[in-house]
Amino acid sequence: MTKTKKYLAVAGLAVLIGAGAAAYKFYYQGAVYDEIPETLEKGEAFDFSVLQKEAAALAARAYEPPLRNLPDELKNLSYDQHRDIRFVRENGPWYNRRRPFEVQFFHLGGIFEDGVRINQIINGKSHPFKYSPDYFDYGKNHLDGSRFSNLTYAGFRLHYPLNRPDYFDELVSFLGASYFRALGTGQKYGLSARGLAIDTAVQTGEEFPLFKEFWIERPRRSAAEIRVYALLDSPSVAGAYAFVIQPGLSTTMDVDAVLYPRKKINKLGVAPLTSMFLFGENNKHMFDDHRPEVHDSDGLLVWNGNDEWLWRPLDNSRYLRISSFEDNNPKGFGLLQRDKNPEHYLDFEAFYEQRPSAWVEPLDNWGKGVVQLVEIPSQQEIHDNIVAFWIPREEIVPGKEYRYRYRLHWTGDAPVDSLLAKVTATYNGIGGISGLLEQDKRKIVIDFSAPQIDHLKEAIENGEVSADISFSEGKFLGSHLIYNPLTKGPTLYMDFRPNGKTSEIRAVLKKDGKPVSEVWSYQWLP
């Protein structure tokens, strides 16, 4: 039996009534919607091309710093007082609308002084999310939300049923300057990404661009991804950003960044990642702490244009370290948290073993440049002291447009399997042999995981696997490679005598003259 279609007039729309509420469809001016559209006749047309034009026009004008005119009762909030202002989920704009995502806002106050405008895109038109005190529970703070009607927001977060279908987990957060971070299934927040880094670790001081306005595309009920757009601004550059966020076991973010410099930029950091490394196996002796390791990431992995995989263990020394890896059209780089064993952290509040890795996959040819790692001395785990980004060799000058497209993977490990033995731990200590240790020698020990190498134990014992080692400074005193029954992979022991200078050390395992491991790259500081 054929069902009869019925149409009704509702606020200027034709409504098709089906079998049950889920079958309702709304027709307006030839378009089909799954619910009555909001303010169809209002709002400004918006797409990425509109944002690019706005960024180009912004760059053509003199930079104007954000106005910081918060009321004193918000400006003077302590960290704990600001944290006590909580978003009321049930009052959220997308709550209980049968959408796969929910949006929540961060309140201004305390260290968050720079307000950002946040808009939603409905059917190709932009509509502002206006401030409402109904969105917030001010906790123990004696605040009158009705006095803040002219406020914007500090940032926002998106929620999604990431771990189970009946609970909306926090998926991604945009908060502070151009910082943002995301999660995959079963992960807890750790490292962050940024829209752009300018003059990081330069004596003249770092510039922190900020996202001054956001547009969030309101998702349809069947959407498996969500789109976010952002306008970036700083004294040196303006930019248009598009993010396509797809949640999952590994959450991905396709980033399209179009930059318009106001002036020549000395050091441009593209796709910057920011993390924390306090101590691990290689520098535990420097910290009097009951925990074996404390870090959000334990290494930088680079897959360069020559198909070489390079692993640089992170470190935290007394001095600023800057390591640059020249490349042409990199295939990927990232800050990884490889060690997933909770016994190696013994921290059942921070759960460092559950921190995500972040991998940058260029979607275009980026040309010549360097992947740079900056390691800043730190004595506390509350500070992010690790930065990694791509620096193009091309001169960045005003009057030109620069575009960088890449995919960010928030994952457990690099999303591409190199089929090589992976570095899993780095140790160092006094050199020599047990009982005959010598203070002027140093011993470095590297553990590898290599389940893909056939008959590995026999190959090592028969001398078929060897180590290719180089030191830029100091005297190499010998090495020994064994099969480790605990890690079920190779362990390499190296002894060398430092000469008081910084030494770049490289080691790679080879079989039949070909690499069977990542290149372990380390910077020894006297």
Protein backbone atom coordinates (compact mmCIF):
# COMPACT_ATOMS: atom_id res chain seq x y z
CA MET A 1 0.00 0.00 0.00
CA THR A 2 1.42 3.39 -1.01
CA LYS A 3 1.50 5.97 1.77
CA THR A 4 -0.07 9.34 1.06
CA LYS A 5 2.24 12.34 1.43
CA LYS A 6 0.75 15.27 3.32
CA TYR A 7 2.01 18.83 3.30
CA LEU A 8 1.31 21.58 5.85
CA ALA A 9 2.37 25.22 5.92
CA VAL A 10 4.58 25.98 8.92
CA ALA A 11 6.20 29.43 9.15
CA GLY A 12 6.51 29.63 5.38
CA LEU A 13 7.83 26.07 4.98
CA ALA A 14 6.21 23.00 3.46
CA VAL A 15 6.29 20.08 5.91
CA LEU A 16 6.26 16.50 4.62
CA ILE A 17 4.67 14.26 7.25
CA GLY A 18 5.90 10.67 7.28
CA ALA A 19 5.48 7.71 9.59
CA GLY A 20 6.72 9.07 12.88
CA ALA A 21 8.63 12.15 13.97
CA ALA A 22 11.93 10.85 12.56
CA ALA A 23 10.47 10.98 9.07
CA TYR A 24 9.58 14.68 9.13
CA LYS A 25 11.22 16.70 6.34
CA PHE A 26 11.02 20.45 5.77
CA TYR A 27 11.10 21.99 2.30
CA TYR A 28 11.96 25.64 1.75
CA GLN A 29 12.82 27.34 -1.55
CA GLY A 30 13.82 24.05 -3.12
CA ALA A 31 16.04 22.89 -0.23
CA VAL A 32 15.38 19.99 2.16
CA TYR A 33 16.07 20.20 5.91
CA ASP A 34 15.77 17.68 8.73
CA GLU A 35 14.31 20.26 11.11
CA ILE A 36 12.88 23.77 10.94
CA PRO A 37 15.87 25.99 10.05
CA GLU A 38 16.80 28.79 12.41
CA THR A 39 16.66 32.41 11.19
CA LEU A 40 16.63 31.39 7.54
CA GLU A 41 16.14 34.95 6.37
CA LYS A 42 18.99 36.32 8.50
CA GLY A 43 22.70 35.71 8.81
CA GLU A 44 25.57 36.38 6.43
CA ALA A 45 26.70 33.98 3.72
CA PHE A 46 29.81 32.10 4.81
CA ASP A 47 32.28 29.62 3.33
CA PHE A 48 36.06 29.23 3.35
CA SER A 49 36.54 31.62 0.43
CA VAL A 50 34.74 34.34 2.43
CA LEU A 51 37.09 33.70 5.36
CA GLN A 52 40.16 33.86 3.11
CA LYS A 53 39.09 37.26 1.80
CA GLU A 54 38.54 38.47 5.36
CA ALA A 55 42.01 37.27 6.41
CA ALA A 56 43.64 38.96 3.39
CA ALA A 57 41.82 42.21 4.18
CA LEU A 58 42.84 41.94 7.84
CA ALA A 59 46.51 41.51 6.87
CA ALA A 60 46.32 44.64 4.73
CA ARG A 61 45.46 46.70 7.81
CA ALA A 62 47.67 47.58 10.77
CA TYR A 63 47.53 45.03 13.58
CA GLU A 64 45.16 45.85 16.41
CA PRO A 65 45.75 43.91 19.65
CA PRO A 66 42.68 42.41 21.32
CA LEU A 67 40.85 44.63 23.75
CA ARG A 68 41.19 43.47 27.34
CA ASN A 69 38.33 45.19 29.12
CA LEU A 70 37.05 42.47 31.41
CA PRO A 71 35.16 43.52 34.53
CA ASP A 72 37.40 43.40 37.59
CA GLU A 73 35.43 40.54 39.13
CA LEU A 74 36.39 38.36 36.13
CA LYS A 75 39.89 39.72 35.60
CA ASN A 76 40.87 38.99 39.21
CA LEU A 77 39.65 35.39 39.33
CA SER A 78 42.22 32.88 40.53
CA TYR A 79 42.84 29.63 38.65
CA ASP A 80 40.55 27.68 40.99
CA GLN A 81 37.85 30.36 40.92
CA HIS A 82 37.79 30.42 37.13
CA ARG A 83 37.74 26.64 37.05
CA ASP A 84 34.64 26.74 39.26
CA ILE A 85 32.67 28.37 36.42
CA ARG A 86 31.18 25.40 34.62
CA PHE A 87 29.16 25.10 31.45
CA VAL A 88 25.61 23.81 31.99
CA ARG A 89 25.31 21.08 29.41
CA GLU A 90 21.51 20.88 29.53
CA ASN A 91 21.31 24.55 28.48
CA GLY A 92 23.72 24.12 25.59
CA PRO A 93 22.60 25.19 22.10
CA TRP A 94 22.85 21.67 20.62
CA TYR A 95 21.86 19.68 23.69
CA ASN A 96 19.13 17.06 23.20
CA ARG A 97 18.75 17.94 19.51
CA ARG A 98 19.65 14.42 18.33
CA ARG A 99 22.93 15.67 16.89
CA PRO A 100 26.14 13.61 17.01
CA PHE A 101 28.10 16.57 18.47
CA GLU A 102 27.52 19.08 21.25
CA VAL A 103 29.22 22.46 21.66
CA GLN A 104 30.15 24.01 25.03
CA PHE A 105 31.87 27.31 25.79
CA PHE A 106 34.71 28.41 28.09
CA HIS A 107 34.06 31.52 30.19
CA LEU A 108 36.41 34.50 30.14
CA GLY A 109 38.30 35.36 33.31
CA GLY A 110 41.58 34.93 35.14
CA ILE A 111 44.41 34.22 32.68
CA PHE A 112 41.89 34.02 29.80
CA GLU A 113 41.50 37.72 28.97
CA ASP A 114 41.22 37.59 25.18
CA GLY A 115 37.63 37.17 24.07
CA VAL A 116 36.86 35.33 20.86
CA ARG A 117 33.68 35.51 18.81
CA ILE A 118 32.07 32.16 18.08
CA ASN A 119 29.50 31.60 15.35
CA GLN A 120 27.56 28.68 13.97
CA ILE A 121 26.98 28.03 10.29
CA ILE A 122 23.44 26.99 9.38
CA ASN A 123 22.70 26.24 5.74
CA GLY A 124 25.63 28.31 4.53
CA LYS A 125 24.92 31.35 6.73
CA SER A 126 26.75 32.59 9.81
CA HIS A 127 24.90 33.26 13.08
CA PRO A 128 26.66 34.40 16.28
CA PHE A 129 26.55 32.42 19.50
CA LYS A 130 25.66 35.27 21.82
CA TYR A 131 26.73 35.21 25.43
CA SER A 132 24.10 33.94 27.85
CA PRO A 133 24.43 33.54 31.64
CA ASP A 134 22.10 30.54 31.29
CA TYR A 135 25.03 28.64 29.78
CA PHE A 136 27.03 28.80 33.02
CA ASP A 137 27.00 27.74 36.63
CA TYR A 138 29.26 30.24 38.44
CA GLY A 139 29.88 27.87 41.34
CA LYS A 140 30.98 29.52 44.57
CA ASN A 141 31.87 32.75 42.78
CA HIS A 142 29.63 35.70 43.66
CA LEU A 143 29.04 36.73 40.06
CA ASP A 144 25.99 38.28 38.44
CA GLY A 145 25.91 36.82 34.95
CA SER A 146 23.35 39.35 33.75
CA ARG A 147 26.09 42.02 33.94
CA PHE A 148 28.16 40.22 31.29
CA SER A 149 25.76 40.48 28.36
CA ASN A 150 28.40 42.09 26.12
CA LEU A 151 30.99 39.37 26.71
CA THR A 152 32.30 36.89 24.18
CA TYR A 153 33.97 33.59 25.12
CA ALA A 154 37.46 32.35 25.95
CA GLY A 155 37.05 29.35 23.64
CA PHE A 156 34.95 26.26 23.11
CA ARG A 157 34.98 22.48 23.16
CA LEU A 158 33.13 19.86 21.15
CA HIS A 159 31.71 16.69 22.69
CA TYR A 160 31.00 13.38 20.98
CA PRO A 161 30.15 9.79 22.12
CA LEU A 162 33.79 8.75 21.64
CA ASN A 163 34.02 5.86 24.11
CA ARG A 164 30.44 4.68 24.47
CA PRO A 165 27.19 5.54 22.68
CA ASP A 166 25.35 6.92 25.71
CA TYR A 167 27.92 9.50 26.87
CA PHE A 168 29.25 12.62 25.14
CA ASP A 169 33.00 12.72 25.83
CA GLU A 170 35.07 15.84 25.33
CA LEU A 171 36.57 15.43 21.86
CA VAL A 172 38.41 18.65 21.02
CA SER A 173 39.12 21.93 22.75
CA PHE A 174 40.14 25.32 21.32
CA LEU A 175 41.32 27.53 24.17
CA GLY A 176 44.01 30.21 24.45
CA ALA A 177 45.95 31.90 21.62
CA SER A 178 45.85 29.39 18.73
CA TYR A 179 46.10 26.29 20.92
CA PHE A 180 43.86 23.27 20.44
CA ARG A 181 43.96 19.60 21.37
CA ALA A 182 41.94 16.47 20.66
CA LEU A 183 41.44 12.87 21.74
CA GLY A 184 41.00 9.46 20.21
CA THR A 185 39.12 6.60 21.85
CA GLY A 186 40.44 5.72 25.33
CA GLN A 187 42.79 8.69 25.57
CA LYS A 188 43.27 11.53 28.06
CA TYR A 189 44.41 15.04 27.20
CA GLY A 190 48.15 15.54 26.92
CA LEU A 191 49.99 17.43 24.20
CA SER A 192 48.50 20.31 22.20
CA ALA A 193 48.72 21.67 18.69
CA ARG A 194 48.76 25.31 17.59
CA GLY A 195 47.64 27.15 14.53
CA LEU A 196 51.07 28.73 14.04
CA ALA A 197 54.36 29.38 15.85
CA ILE A 198 56.45 32.49 15.19
CA ASP A 199 60.03 33.04 16.42
CA THR A 200 60.02 30.17 18.91
CA ALA A 201 63.34 30.00 20.80
CA VAL A 202 64.54 33.25 19.20
CA GLN A 203 66.29 35.84 21.40
CA THR A 204 63.93 38.61 20.28
CA GLY A 205 61.04 36.72 21.88
CA GLU A 206 58.23 34.52 20.64
CA GLU A 207 55.06 35.82 19.04
CA PHE A 208 51.83 33.96 19.82
CA PRO A 209 49.19 34.32 17.08
CA LEU A 210 45.63 33.90 18.26
CA PHE A 211 42.38 32.67 16.80
CA LYS A 212 40.16 35.74 17.17
CA GLU A 213 36.95 34.30 15.70
CA PHE A 214 35.49 30.85 15.05
CA TRP A 215 32.73 29.44 12.88
CA ILE A 216 31.34 25.96 13.66
CA GLU A 217 29.20 24.24 11.05
CA ARG A 218 26.13 22.85 12.76
CA PRO A 219 26.24 19.11 11.95
CA ARG A 220 23.36 17.15 10.51
CA ARG A 221 22.06 14.29 12.59
CA SER A 222 23.84 11.68 10.47
CA ALA A 223 27.18 13.54 10.37
CA ALA A 224 30.36 11.56 11.06
CA GLU A 225 32.55 14.68 11.06
CA ILE A 226 32.33 18.35 11.99
CA ARG A 227 33.84 21.45 10.37
CA VAL A 228 35.39 24.36 12.22
CA TYR A 229 36.80 27.57 10.73
CA ALA A 230 39.04 30.13 12.44
CA LEU A 231 40.45 33.58 11.74
CA LEU A 232 44.03 33.92 12.97
CA ASP A 233 45.73 37.24 13.73
CA SER A 234 49.04 38.50 15.10
CA PRO A 235 51.42 41.43 14.53
CA SER A 236 53.15 39.47 11.75
CA VAL A 237 50.40 37.57 9.95
CA ALA A 238 46.69 36.96 9.46
CA GLY A 239 45.32 33.63 8.37
CA ALA A 240 42.25 31.59 7.46
CA TYR A 241 41.96 28.07 8.88
CA ALA A 242 39.59 25.22 8.10
CA PHE A 243 39.40 22.07 10.25
CA VAL A 244 37.54 18.90 9.30
CA ILE A 245 37.38 16.81 12.49
CA GLN A 246 36.56 13.10 12.33
CA PRO A 247 36.40 11.31 15.70
CA GLY A 248 37.39 7.69 16.15
CA LEU A 249 39.97 5.29 17.55
CA SER A 250 42.40 7.78 16.03
CA THR A 251 40.77 11.18 15.68
CA THR A 252 41.87 13.04 12.55
CA MET A 253 41.79 16.74 11.75
CA ASP A 254 42.31 17.89 8.17
CA VAL A 255 43.80 21.37 8.44
CA ASP A 256 43.86 23.93 5.63
CA ALA A 257 45.88 27.01 6.63
CA VAL A 258 46.11 30.04 4.31
CA LEU A 259 48.50 32.73 5.57
CA TYR A 260 48.85 36.42 4.67
CA PRO A 261 51.98 37.98 6.26
CA ARG A 262 51.97 41.64 7.31
CA LYS A 263 55.75 41.70 7.37
CA LYS A 264 58.74 39.47 6.76
CA ILE A 265 58.76 36.57 9.22
CA ASN A 266 62.12 35.40 10.48
CA LYS A 267 61.06 31.96 11.74
CA LEU A 268 57.70 30.48 10.77
CA GLY A 269 56.66 27.28 12.55
CA VAL A 270 54.04 25.34 10.56
CA ALA A 271 51.87 22.65 12.22
CA PRO A 272 53.40 23.20 15.67
CA LEU A 273 53.01 20.60 18.40
CA THR A 274 53.57 21.43 22.08
CA SER A 275 54.14 18.86 24.82
CA MET A 276 55.72 18.15 28.21
CA PHE A 277 58.75 16.01 29.04
CA LEU A 278 60.02 16.17 32.60
CA PHE A 279 61.98 12.93 32.89
CA GLY A 280 62.22 9.40 31.54
CA GLU A 281 64.70 6.51 31.56
CA ASN A 282 67.44 8.70 30.06
CA ASN A 283 67.38 11.48 32.71
CA LYS A 284 65.60 10.01 35.77
CA HIS A 285 68.76 10.59 37.83
CA MET A 286 68.15 14.36 37.64
CA PHE A 287 64.84 14.23 39.56
CA ASP A 288 64.08 13.08 43.08
CA ASP A 289 60.61 11.69 42.34
CA HIS A 290 58.92 8.42 43.35
CA ARG A 291 57.57 7.94 39.82
CA PRO A 292 59.78 6.27 37.22
CA GLU A 293 58.77 8.62 34.36
CA VAL A 294 56.77 11.82 33.85
CA HIS A 295 55.97 12.98 30.32
CA ASP A 296 53.18 13.54 27.81
CA SER A 297 55.46 12.52 24.92
CA ASP A 298 58.71 10.54 24.88
CA GLY A 299 60.09 11.15 21.38
CA LEU A 300 60.02 12.94 18.05
CA LEU A 301 59.51 10.70 15.03
CA VAL A 302 60.31 11.99 11.53
CA TRP A 303 59.55 10.24 8.24
CA ASN A 304 61.57 12.25 5.79
CA GLY A 305 61.40 12.65 2.03
CA ASN A 306 64.13 10.03 1.56
CA ASP A 307 61.99 7.38 3.31
CA GLU A 308 64.23 7.42 6.37
CA TRP A 309 62.52 7.00 9.76
CA LEU A 310 64.29 8.90 12.52
CA TRP A 311 63.56 8.73 16.27
CA ARG A 312 64.86 11.43 18.61
CA PRO A 313 64.26 10.64 22.32
CA LEU A 314 63.14 13.71 24.25
CA ASP A 315 65.32 15.13 27.00
CA ASN A 316 65.19 17.78 29.69
CA SER A 317 68.59 19.16 30.55
CA ARG A 318 69.95 22.35 32.09
CA TYR A 319 70.26 24.01 28.70
CA LEU A 320 67.96 24.96 25.86
CA ARG A 321 68.27 22.43 23.01
CA ILE A 322 67.40 23.09 19.38
CA SER A 323 67.63 20.20 16.94
CA SER A 324 66.97 20.70 13.21
CA PHE A 325 66.45 17.92 10.68
CA GLU A 326 66.78 19.13 7.09
CA ASP A 327 64.33 17.67 4.61
CA ASN A 328 62.63 18.04 1.25
CA ASN A 329 58.90 17.28 1.13
CA PRO A 330 58.59 15.52 4.52
CA LYS A 331 56.14 12.64 4.68
CA GLY A 332 55.32 13.12 8.34
CA PHE A 333 56.51 14.02 11.81
CA GLY A 334 55.07 13.91 15.28
CA LEU A 335 55.53 13.90 19.03
CA LEU A 336 54.73 10.40 20.24
CA GLN A 337 53.94 8.80 23.57
CA ARG A 338 55.18 5.30 22.79
CA ASP A 339 55.51 3.95 26.30
CA LYS A 340 52.00 2.72 27.21
CA ASN A 341 52.95 0.65 30.29
CA PRO A 342 51.32 2.09 33.45
CA GLU A 343 54.05 0.45 35.56
CA HIS A 344 56.53 2.85 33.95
CA TYR A 345 54.64 5.89 35.34
CA LEU A 346 52.90 4.73 38.54
CA ASP A 347 50.67 7.79 38.40
CA PHE A 348 47.03 6.84 38.75
CA GLU A 349 45.78 10.41 38.62
CA ALA A 350 47.64 11.70 35.55
CA PHE A 351 47.55 8.37 33.61
CA TYR A 352 50.45 9.38 31.37
CA GLU A 353 50.24 6.06 29.54
CA GLN A 354 46.89 7.20 28.12
CA ARG A 355 48.19 10.43 26.58
CA PRO A 356 47.77 10.66 22.79
CA SER A 357 50.49 10.94 20.17
CA ALA A 358 50.09 13.60 17.47
CA TRP A 359 51.26 12.96 13.90
CA VAL A 360 51.44 15.59 11.16
CA GLU A 361 50.86 14.25 7.65
CA PRO A 362 51.44 16.88 4.91
CA LEU A 363 48.77 16.72 2.20
CA ASP A 364 50.86 18.72 -0.31
CA ASN A 365 54.54 19.00 -1.18
CA TRP A 366 56.04 21.37 1.39
CA GLY A 367 59.36 21.73 -0.39
CA LYS A 368 62.65 22.29 1.42
CA GLY A 369 62.95 23.14 5.07
CA VAL A 370 63.60 21.60 8.49
CA VAL A 371 61.67 19.77 11.15
CA GLN A 372 62.80 21.53 14.30
CA LEU A 373 62.61 20.26 17.87
CA VAL A 374 62.93 22.74 20.76
CA GLU A 375 63.52 21.34 24.26
CA ILE A 376 63.25 23.91 27.07
CA PRO A 377 64.62 23.22 30.57
CA SER A 378 61.83 22.63 33.09
CA GLN A 379 61.51 21.60 36.72
CA GLN A 380 57.73 21.13 36.85
CA GLU A 381 55.32 18.93 34.93
CA ILE A 382 52.74 21.73 34.69
CA HIS A 383 54.82 23.45 32.01
CA ASP A 384 54.88 22.48 28.34
CA ASN A 385 58.57 22.55 27.43
CA ILE A 386 58.68 20.66 24.11
CA VAL A 387 57.86 22.17 20.70
CA ALA A 388 58.14 20.62 17.23
CA PHE A 389 57.20 22.18 13.88
CA TRP A 390 58.13 22.55 10.20
CA ILE A 391 60.15 25.60 9.11
CA PRO A 392 59.97 26.24 5.35
CA ARG A 393 63.19 27.35 3.68
CA GLU A 394 61.17 29.68 1.48
CA GLU A 395 61.33 33.29 2.61
CA ILE A 396 58.04 34.42 4.18
CA VAL A 397 57.31 37.96 3.03
CA PRO A 398 54.26 40.27 2.90
CA GLY A 399 52.18 40.52 -0.25
CA LYS A 400 52.12 36.77 -0.86
CA GLU A 401 49.73 33.98 0.09
CA TYR A 402 51.10 30.82 1.71
CA ARG A 403 49.05 27.63 2.00
CA TYR A 404 49.74 24.54 4.09
CA ARG A 405 47.41 21.55 4.14
CA TYR A 406 48.00 18.68 6.52
CA ARG A 407 46.22 15.94 8.44
CA LEU A 408 46.65 15.77 12.20
CA HIS A 409 46.30 12.30 13.71
CA TRP A 410 45.55 12.10 17.45
CA THR A 411 46.55 8.50 17.85
CA GLY A 412 48.49 5.86 19.78
CA ASP A 413 51.49 5.71 17.43
CA ALA A 414 52.37 6.89 13.95
CA PRO A 415 49.46 5.92 11.65
CA VAL A 416 51.88 4.42 9.10
CA ASP A 417 53.79 1.23 9.93
CA SER A 418 57.40 1.54 8.78
CA LEU A 419 57.97 -2.24 9.18
CA LEU A 420 61.22 -1.31 10.96
CA ALA A 421 62.33 -2.08 14.50
CA LYS A 422 61.09 0.78 16.70
CA VAL A 423 63.03 2.46 19.49
CA THR A 424 61.16 1.88 22.75
CA ALA A 425 63.58 3.14 25.44
CA THR A 426 66.88 5.00 25.87
CA TYR A 427 69.08 4.76 28.98
CA ASN A 428 72.45 6.26 29.88
CA GLY A 429 74.86 6.04 32.79
CA ILE A 430 78.49 5.53 33.80
CA GLY A 431 80.44 3.49 31.26
CA GLY A 432 82.53 0.37 31.64
CA ILE A 433 81.47 -3.08 32.81
CA SER A 434 79.75 -4.15 36.02
CA GLY A 435 82.14 -3.80 38.96
CA LEU A 436 84.66 -1.84 36.88
CA LEU A 437 82.74 1.36 36.13
CA GLU A 438 84.80 4.31 34.89
CA GLN A 439 83.70 7.89 35.53
CA ASP A 440 85.18 9.25 32.30
CA LYS A 441 83.10 6.88 30.17
CA ARG A 442 79.39 6.90 29.38
CA LYS A 443 77.18 3.98 28.49
CA ILE A 444 74.08 4.38 26.32
CA VAL A 445 71.55 1.56 26.04
CA ILE A 446 68.78 1.44 23.43
CA ASP A 447 65.84 -0.98 23.41
CA PHE A 448 64.13 -1.83 20.14
CA SER A 449 60.87 -3.62 19.41
CA ALA A 450 61.18 -5.79 16.32
CA PRO A 451 58.45 -8.44 16.02
CA GLN A 452 58.56 -8.23 12.22
CA ILE A 453 62.15 -9.50 11.86
CA ASP A 454 62.06 -13.26 11.20
CA HIS A 455 64.19 -15.45 13.47
CA LEU A 456 65.46 -12.33 15.24
CA LYS A 457 67.20 -14.09 18.14
CA GLU A 458 69.13 -16.38 15.83
CA ALA A 459 69.97 -13.52 13.46
CA ILE A 460 71.46 -11.45 16.32
CA GLU A 461 73.38 -14.39 17.79
CA ASN A 462 74.76 -15.28 14.35
CA GLY A 463 75.95 -11.73 13.76
CA GLU A 464 73.51 -11.14 10.89
CA VAL A 465 72.19 -7.97 12.57
CA SER A 466 74.75 -5.25 13.27
CA ALA A 467 74.75 -1.66 14.48
CA ASP A 468 75.95 1.27 12.36
CA ILE A 469 77.01 3.95 14.87
CA SER A 470 78.47 7.44 14.53
CA PHE A 471 79.55 10.18 16.99
CA SER A 472 80.20 13.78 15.94
CA GLU A 473 82.33 14.38 19.06
CA GLY A 474 83.98 12.15 21.65
CA LYS A 475 85.61 8.75 21.23
CA PHE A 476 83.52 5.68 20.42
CA LEU A 477 84.74 2.77 22.60
CA GLY A 478 82.67 -0.12 21.30
CA SER A 479 79.19 -1.62 21.20
CA HIS A 480 77.40 -4.86 21.90
CA LEU A 481 74.06 -6.04 20.48
CA ILE A 482 71.99 -8.72 22.21
CA TYR A 483 68.52 -10.21 22.01
CA ASN A 484 66.49 -9.00 24.99
CA PRO A 485 64.11 -11.74 26.24
CA LEU A 486 62.02 -9.19 28.18
CA THR A 487 61.35 -6.79 25.30
CA LYS A 488 61.60 -9.57 22.67
CA GLY A 489 63.73 -7.28 20.57
CA PRO A 490 67.34 -6.09 20.17
CA THR A 491 69.12 -4.11 22.87
CA LEU A 492 72.17 -2.10 21.86
CA TYR A 493 74.91 -1.15 24.36
CA MET A 494 77.38 1.61 23.43
CA ASP A 495 80.35 3.05 25.34
CA PHE A 496 82.00 6.35 24.53
CA ARG A 497 84.30 8.91 26.12
CA PRO A 498 82.95 12.51 25.92
CA ASN A 499 85.39 15.30 25.09
CA GLY A 500 83.47 18.17 26.69
CA LYS A 501 81.62 19.10 23.49
CA THR A 502 78.07 18.51 22.32
CA SER A 503 77.92 15.29 20.33
CA GLU A 504 75.32 14.20 17.79
CA ILE A 505 75.02 10.41 17.98
CA ARG A 506 73.28 8.16 15.45
CA ALA A 507 72.67 4.41 15.50
CA VAL A 508 70.76 2.15 13.14
CA LEU A 509 70.48 -1.63 12.99
CA LYS A 510 71.21 -3.28 9.67
CA LYS A 511 70.80 -6.73 8.17
CA ASP A 512 72.39 -7.63 4.84
CA GLY A 513 73.48 -4.01 4.57
CA LYS A 514 69.94 -2.63 4.77
CA PRO A 515 68.31 -0.77 7.69
CA VAL A 516 66.01 -2.93 9.79
CA SER A 517 65.40 -0.27 12.45
CA GLU A 518 64.60 3.39 12.79
CA VAL A 519 67.56 5.71 13.02
CA TRP A 520 68.13 6.52 16.68
CA SER A 521 69.35 10.11 16.88
CA TYR A 522 70.52 11.65 20.15
CA GLN A 523 72.19 14.87 21.27
CA TRP A 524 74.70 14.37 24.08
CA LEU A 525 75.34 17.50 26.15
CA PRO A 526 78.38 17.76 28.44
